[in-house]
Amino acid sequence: MMKINLTHHKLLLTLITPLITVGSISLSVPSQAATIVSISEIRLTINHVNQFAEDVSVIGDINTVAMAEEGTAQNQIAWDALFWADDSTVFAHANFQTLAVGTGSEYLLKTDIFTKLLGHFSIAAGNFLQFDVTASLYLENFVEDWHLDNASASGGISLKLFEHSTQSSLNLFNIFSFINTNDDQELNQDFFKLNISPDLILTSYDEQFLFGDNQEAIRVDFTGVFQQYFEQDTELDLIAVTQSCNSGSNTVDFCQKVPEVSNTFALIFLGLWVSSWNWLFRIMK
């Protein structure tokens, strides 16, 4: 198991890890061995910020487990988080990739990643705050034999502004999704949700969904621009959170599941609301 906790309150903190194997076990593999692969890729970038950030910080947490009695279990992680602020540039990003691979008849894989970006802004009356946002979420599971093995992946990205004087939050967007790939009729479920505030103007949006018995994937990419004018002196915190989970085993394990169990259908769109306030999708199998 590996666990990393980071917190810092200077103008710059960056943790960069190349794609590394953080947990790997290899033992004898029987002839009936199957293979699972679970992938997550989360990317968030905030740039072209027109106000100076007085205090910034990055908080990160990684937990990973790889165990095998008969077979192999391997987790690979690439993680890069940064919040930069000087007189001319304010820039932040949180990017990470996770690859979990398991083979054999007895193994367990689990990786959880969490990153928080924090930045404080003091905006004088008569000024505005503006920045660009780029966000991307990709999840994929592959199970060679979904009657024997299980793969699960989840991911989320959120961005909000917290105003100190009113103690109120403006949620600019919140995206969350998970896919569970196994033969359990109650737990073989997929979920996708996206809320976007009208204060974040989308400049591009693309989504792709792939559902099947043994291979599933979700990809969402979008860019947007935020701009708001302040009539009074305002103290704001920018708070961005990214998270992911990847899990695989020979038993039905999962990162997330839909709380209520419904009748089994090939694909049910439980809800699709489009309004000036948000988009919300929820998907179950």
Protein backbone atom coordinates (compact mmCIF):
# COMPACT_ATOMS: atom_id res chain seq x y z
CA MET A 1 0.00 0.00 0.00
CA MET A 2 1.20 3.50 -0.78
CA LYS A 3 -0.25 6.67 0.67
CA ILE A 4 0.83 10.23 -0.09
CA ASN A 5 -0.48 13.32 1.67
CA LEU A 6 0.67 16.75 0.61
CA THR A 7 -0.29 20.22 1.76
CA HIS A 8 1.53 23.46 1.14
CA HIS A 9 0.74 27.16 1.34
CA LYS A 10 3.40 28.85 -0.72
CA LEU A 11 2.99 30.14 -4.24
CA LEU A 12 4.04 26.92 -5.90
CA LEU A 13 3.69 23.24 -5.23
CA THR A 14 4.17 20.63 -7.89
CA LEU A 15 4.35 16.87 -7.62
CA ILE A 16 5.24 15.09 -10.83
CA THR A 17 5.47 11.32 -11.04
CA PRO A 18 6.12 9.55 -14.33
CA LEU A 19 4.16 6.39 -15.07
CA ILE A 20 5.43 4.11 -12.32
CA THR A 21 4.46 0.72 -10.97
CA VAL A 22 3.43 1.26 -7.36
CA GLY A 23 2.21 -2.27 -6.70
CA SER A 24 3.14 -5.42 -8.56
CA ILE A 25 2.90 -9.12 -7.68
CA SER A 26 3.48 -12.06 -10.02
CA LEU A 27 2.87 -15.72 -9.14
CA SER A 28 2.06 -18.91 -11.03
CA VAL A 29 -0.96 -18.43 -13.31
CA PRO A 30 -3.32 -21.39 -13.84
CA SER A 31 -4.61 -22.30 -17.30
CA GLN A 32 -8.08 -20.83 -16.60
CA ALA A 33 -6.61 -17.37 -15.85
CA ALA A 34 -8.55 -14.37 -17.09
CA THR A 35 -7.44 -10.77 -17.51
CA ILE A 36 -8.96 -7.47 -16.35
CA VAL A 37 -7.87 -3.94 -17.18
CA SER A 38 -9.23 -0.80 -15.54
CA ILE A 39 -8.15 2.69 -16.65
CA SER A 40 -8.92 6.20 -15.48
CA GLU A 41 -7.58 9.49 -16.81
CA ILE A 42 -8.56 12.80 -15.20
CA ARG A 43 -7.37 16.20 -16.43
CA LEU A 44 -8.23 19.70 -15.21
CA THR A 45 -6.55 22.96 -16.25
CA ILE A 46 -7.33 26.50 -15.08
CA ASN A 47 -5.45 29.22 -16.95
CA HIS A 48 -5.61 32.78 -18.33
CA VAL A 49 -6.56 33.97 -14.84
CA ASN A 50 -6.76 37.78 -14.79
CA GLN A 51 -6.40 38.23 -11.00
CA PHE A 52 -3.47 37.48 -8.70
CA ALA A 53 -3.88 34.56 -6.30
CA GLU A 54 -2.55 35.59 -2.87
CA ASP A 55 -2.32 32.11 -1.42
CA VAL A 56 -2.40 28.77 -3.22
CA SER A 57 -2.04 25.16 -2.15
CA VAL A 58 -2.23 21.62 -3.46
CA ILE A 59 -3.43 18.65 -1.41
CA GLY A 60 -2.98 15.13 -2.74
CA ASP A 61 -3.73 11.64 -1.50
CA ILE A 62 -2.98 8.26 -3.14
CA ASN A 63 -3.94 4.84 -1.79
CA THR A 64 -3.11 1.71 -3.75
CA VAL A 65 -3.23 -2.05 -3.12
CA ALA A 66 -2.07 -4.94 -5.35
CA MET A 67 -2.27 -8.52 -4.05
CA ALA A 68 -2.29 -11.91 -5.78
CA GLU A 69 -2.42 -15.51 -4.54
CA GLU A 70 -2.40 -17.07 -8.02
CA GLY A 71 -1.75 -14.65 -10.86
CA THR A 72 -0.53 -11.09 -11.27
CA ALA A 73 -1.70 -7.75 -9.89
CA GLN A 74 -0.24 -4.44 -10.99
CA ASN A 75 -1.14 -0.75 -10.56
CA GLN A 76 0.53 2.03 -12.51
CA ILE A 77 0.05 5.73 -11.72
CA ALA A 78 1.13 9.00 -13.31
CA TRP A 79 0.23 12.08 -11.23
CA ASP A 80 0.99 15.77 -11.78
CA ALA A 81 -0.54 18.59 -9.70
CA LEU A 82 0.48 22.26 -9.71
CA PHE A 83 -0.77 25.69 -8.65
CA TRP A 84 1.46 28.54 -9.82
CA ALA A 85 0.97 32.19 -8.94
CA ASP A 86 3.28 35.15 -9.52
CA ASP A 87 2.86 38.77 -10.60
CA SER A 88 2.27 37.87 -14.24
CA THR A 89 0.83 34.32 -14.27
CA VAL A 90 -1.74 32.31 -12.36
CA PHE A 91 -2.07 28.73 -13.54
CA ALA A 92 -3.28 25.46 -12.03
CA HIS A 93 -3.74 21.89 -13.15
CA ALA A 94 -4.33 18.41 -11.79
CA ASN A 95 -3.66 15.48 -14.12
CA PHE A 96 -3.40 11.79 -13.38
CA GLN A 97 -3.62 8.43 -15.10
CA THR A 98 -4.20 5.04 -13.48
CA LEU A 99 -3.79 1.61 -15.05
CA ALA A 100 -4.78 -1.53 -13.11
CA VAL A 101 -4.09 -4.98 -14.62
CA GLY A 102 -4.89 -8.34 -13.03
CA THR A 103 -4.65 -11.95 -14.21
CA GLY A 104 -5.15 -15.29 -12.53
CA SER A 105 -7.64 -16.90 -10.23
CA GLU A 106 -7.02 -14.95 -6.99
CA TYR A 107 -5.99 -11.28 -7.02
CA LEU A 108 -7.08 -7.87 -5.73
CA LEU A 109 -6.39 -4.40 -7.16
CA LYS A 110 -7.50 -1.03 -5.80
CA THR A 111 -6.24 2.53 -6.36
CA ASP A 112 -7.83 5.74 -5.06
CA ILE A 113 -6.49 9.19 -6.00
CA PHE A 114 -7.64 12.56 -4.64
CA THR A 115 -6.34 16.05 -5.46
CA LYS A 116 -7.52 19.46 -4.25
CA LEU A 117 -6.36 22.81 -5.66
CA LEU A 118 -6.97 25.90 -3.51
CA GLY A 119 -6.43 29.54 -4.38
CA HIS A 120 -7.46 32.76 -2.60
CA PHE A 121 -8.35 35.96 -4.47
CA SER A 122 -8.92 39.50 -3.14
CA ILE A 123 -10.86 41.39 -5.80
CA ALA A 124 -11.25 45.16 -5.53
CA ALA A 125 -14.63 46.78 -6.18
CA GLY A 126 -15.25 47.54 -9.83
CA ASN A 127 -13.13 44.64 -11.11
CA PHE A 128 -13.91 41.21 -12.50
CA LEU A 129 -12.51 37.70 -12.22
CA GLN A 130 -11.98 35.71 -15.40
CA PHE A 131 -10.33 32.40 -16.28
CA ASP A 132 -10.51 29.50 -18.76
CA VAL A 133 -11.23 25.90 -17.81
CA THR A 134 -10.38 22.66 -19.62
CA ALA A 135 -11.65 19.38 -18.17
CA SER A 136 -11.45 15.77 -19.32
CA LEU A 137 -12.63 12.51 -17.79
CA TYR A 138 -11.97 9.06 -19.28
CA LEU A 139 -12.87 5.68 -17.74
CA GLU A 140 -12.49 2.23 -19.28
CA ASN A 141 -12.89 -1.37 -18.13
CA PHE A 142 -12.01 -4.59 -19.95
CA VAL A 143 -12.76 -8.04 -18.57
CA GLU A 144 -11.72 -11.08 -20.58
CA ASP A 145 -14.38 -13.24 -18.91
CA TRP A 146 -16.99 -11.22 -17.04
CA HIS A 147 -18.36 -14.39 -15.41
CA LEU A 148 -15.05 -14.88 -13.58
CA ASP A 149 -13.70 -11.38 -13.01
CA ASN A 150 -14.76 -7.87 -12.10
CA ALA A 151 -13.51 -4.39 -13.00
CA SER A 152 -14.72 -1.06 -11.66
CA ALA A 153 -13.71 2.54 -12.38
CA SER A 154 -14.97 5.90 -11.17
CA GLY A 155 -13.90 9.52 -11.54
CA GLY A 156 -14.98 13.04 -10.72
CA ILE A 157 -14.05 16.69 -11.22
CA SER A 158 -15.60 19.71 -9.49
CA LEU A 159 -14.87 23.44 -9.44
CA LYS A 160 -16.44 26.09 -7.23
CA LEU A 161 -15.92 29.59 -5.83
CA PHE A 162 -16.49 30.32 -2.14
CA GLU A 163 -17.29 33.93 -1.13
CA HIS A 164 -16.23 34.79 2.42
CA SER A 165 -18.58 37.72 3.12
CA THR A 166 -21.76 35.78 2.33
CA GLN A 167 -20.39 32.33 3.20
CA SER A 168 -21.88 31.09 -0.06
CA SER A 169 -20.56 28.87 -2.84
CA LEU A 170 -20.94 29.13 -6.60
CA ASN A 171 -20.63 25.64 -8.08
CA LEU A 172 -19.30 26.13 -11.59
CA PHE A 173 -19.43 22.47 -12.57
CA ASN A 174 -19.48 18.98 -11.12
CA ILE A 175 -18.90 15.85 -13.19
CA PHE A 176 -18.99 12.31 -11.81
CA SER A 177 -19.16 8.88 -13.43
CA PHE A 178 -18.56 5.21 -12.73
CA ILE A 179 -18.67 1.96 -14.69
CA ASN A 180 -18.92 -1.51 -13.15
CA THR A 181 -18.16 -4.47 -15.42
CA ASN A 182 -19.22 -7.89 -14.10
CA ASP A 183 -22.05 -10.41 -14.38
CA ASP A 184 -23.86 -9.41 -11.18
CA GLN A 185 -27.27 -8.13 -12.30
CA GLU A 186 -27.60 -5.80 -9.32
CA LEU A 187 -24.09 -4.33 -9.38
CA ASN A 188 -23.37 -4.28 -13.12
CA GLN A 189 -24.32 -0.60 -13.38
CA ASP A 190 -23.01 2.55 -15.03
CA PHE A 191 -23.62 6.14 -13.98
CA PHE A 192 -22.86 9.58 -15.42
CA LYS A 193 -23.75 13.01 -14.05
CA LEU A 194 -22.76 16.50 -15.14
CA ASN A 195 -23.92 19.81 -13.66
CA ILE A 196 -22.77 23.08 -15.24
CA SER A 197 -23.64 26.55 -13.98
CA PRO A 198 -24.72 29.18 -16.52
CA ASP A 199 -21.86 31.30 -15.13
CA LEU A 200 -19.45 28.94 -16.92
CA ILE A 201 -19.85 29.49 -20.65
CA LEU A 202 -19.02 26.33 -22.59
CA THR A 203 -16.84 26.82 -25.66
CA SER A 204 -16.61 23.11 -26.58
CA TYR A 205 -18.13 19.84 -25.43
CA ASP A 206 -17.72 16.22 -26.55
CA GLU A 207 -18.83 12.91 -25.05
CA GLN A 208 -18.51 9.24 -26.00
CA PHE A 209 -20.10 6.20 -24.37
CA LEU A 210 -19.34 2.52 -24.99
CA PHE A 211 -21.29 -0.19 -23.17
CA GLY A 212 -20.98 -3.95 -23.53
CA ASP A 213 -20.66 -7.19 -21.62
CA ASN A 214 -16.88 -7.20 -21.21
CA GLN A 215 -15.67 -3.75 -22.35
CA GLU A 216 -17.03 -0.36 -21.37
CA ALA A 217 -15.79 3.22 -21.60
CA ILE A 218 -16.89 6.80 -20.94
CA ARG A 219 -15.12 9.92 -22.21
CA VAL A 220 -16.14 13.55 -21.62
CA ASP A 221 -14.13 16.61 -22.68
CA PHE A 222 -15.13 20.26 -22.44
CA THR A 223 -13.75 23.78 -22.24
CA GLY A 224 -15.34 26.89 -20.78
CA VAL A 225 -14.85 30.51 -19.75
CA PHE A 226 -15.84 32.11 -16.45
CA GLN A 227 -16.21 35.87 -15.95
CA GLN A 228 -17.90 37.77 -13.14
CA TYR A 229 -17.98 41.46 -12.19
CA PHE A 230 -17.83 42.53 -8.52
CA GLU A 231 -19.35 45.80 -7.36
CA GLN A 232 -17.81 45.51 -3.88
CA ASP A 233 -14.50 44.32 -2.47
CA THR A 234 -14.72 40.54 -2.45
CA GLU A 235 -12.69 37.72 -0.92
CA LEU A 236 -12.95 34.47 -2.89
CA ASP A 237 -11.54 30.95 -2.64
CA LEU A 238 -11.24 28.88 -5.80
CA ILE A 239 -11.61 25.18 -4.95
CA ALA A 240 -11.02 22.42 -7.51
CA VAL A 241 -11.24 18.71 -6.69
CA THR A 242 -10.33 15.71 -8.85
CA GLN A 243 -10.67 12.07 -7.84
CA SER A 244 -10.62 8.59 -9.29
CA CYS A 245 -10.86 4.93 -8.29
CA ASN A 246 -9.90 1.73 -10.10
CA SER A 247 -10.65 -1.73 -8.76
CA GLY A 248 -10.35 -5.31 -10.00
CA SER A 249 -10.72 -8.75 -8.43
CA ASN A 250 -12.12 -12.25 -8.86
CA THR A 251 -15.08 -11.33 -6.66
CA VAL A 252 -17.63 -8.59 -7.27
CA ASP A 253 -15.94 -5.49 -5.92
CA PHE A 254 -16.68 -1.93 -6.98
CA CYS A 255 -15.65 1.71 -6.59
CA GLN A 256 -19.22 3.05 -6.58
CA LYS A 257 -22.71 1.72 -7.11
CA VAL A 258 -26.17 3.11 -7.72
CA PRO A 259 -27.95 3.08 -4.32
CA GLU A 260 -31.33 1.90 -5.54
CA VAL A 261 -31.54 -1.34 -7.52
CA SER A 262 -33.83 -1.35 -10.53
CA ASN A 263 -35.00 -3.99 -12.97
CA THR A 264 -32.31 -5.05 -15.42
CA PHE A 265 -32.43 -3.44 -18.85
CA ALA A 266 -29.79 -3.22 -21.50
CA LEU A 267 -29.58 0.54 -21.00
CA ILE A 268 -31.93 2.89 -19.22
CA PHE A 269 -31.66 6.65 -19.27
CA LEU A 270 -33.14 7.48 -15.90
CA GLY A 271 -33.02 11.18 -16.46
CA LEU A 272 -31.99 13.86 -18.89
CA TRP A 273 -32.63 17.44 -17.95
CA VAL A 274 -31.38 20.35 -20.03
CA SER A 275 -31.96 23.84 -18.71
CA SER A 276 -30.17 27.12 -18.26
CA TRP A 277 -28.82 25.82 -14.96
CA ASN A 278 -27.41 22.37 -15.51
CA TRP A 279 -27.17 19.22 -17.53
CA LEU A 280 -27.74 15.97 -15.68
CA PHE A 281 -27.37 12.47 -17.07
CA ARG A 282 -27.88 9.24 -15.16
CA ILE A 283 -27.28 5.89 -16.76
CA MET A 284 -27.90 2.34 -15.53
CA LYS A 285 -27.72 -1.05 -17.12
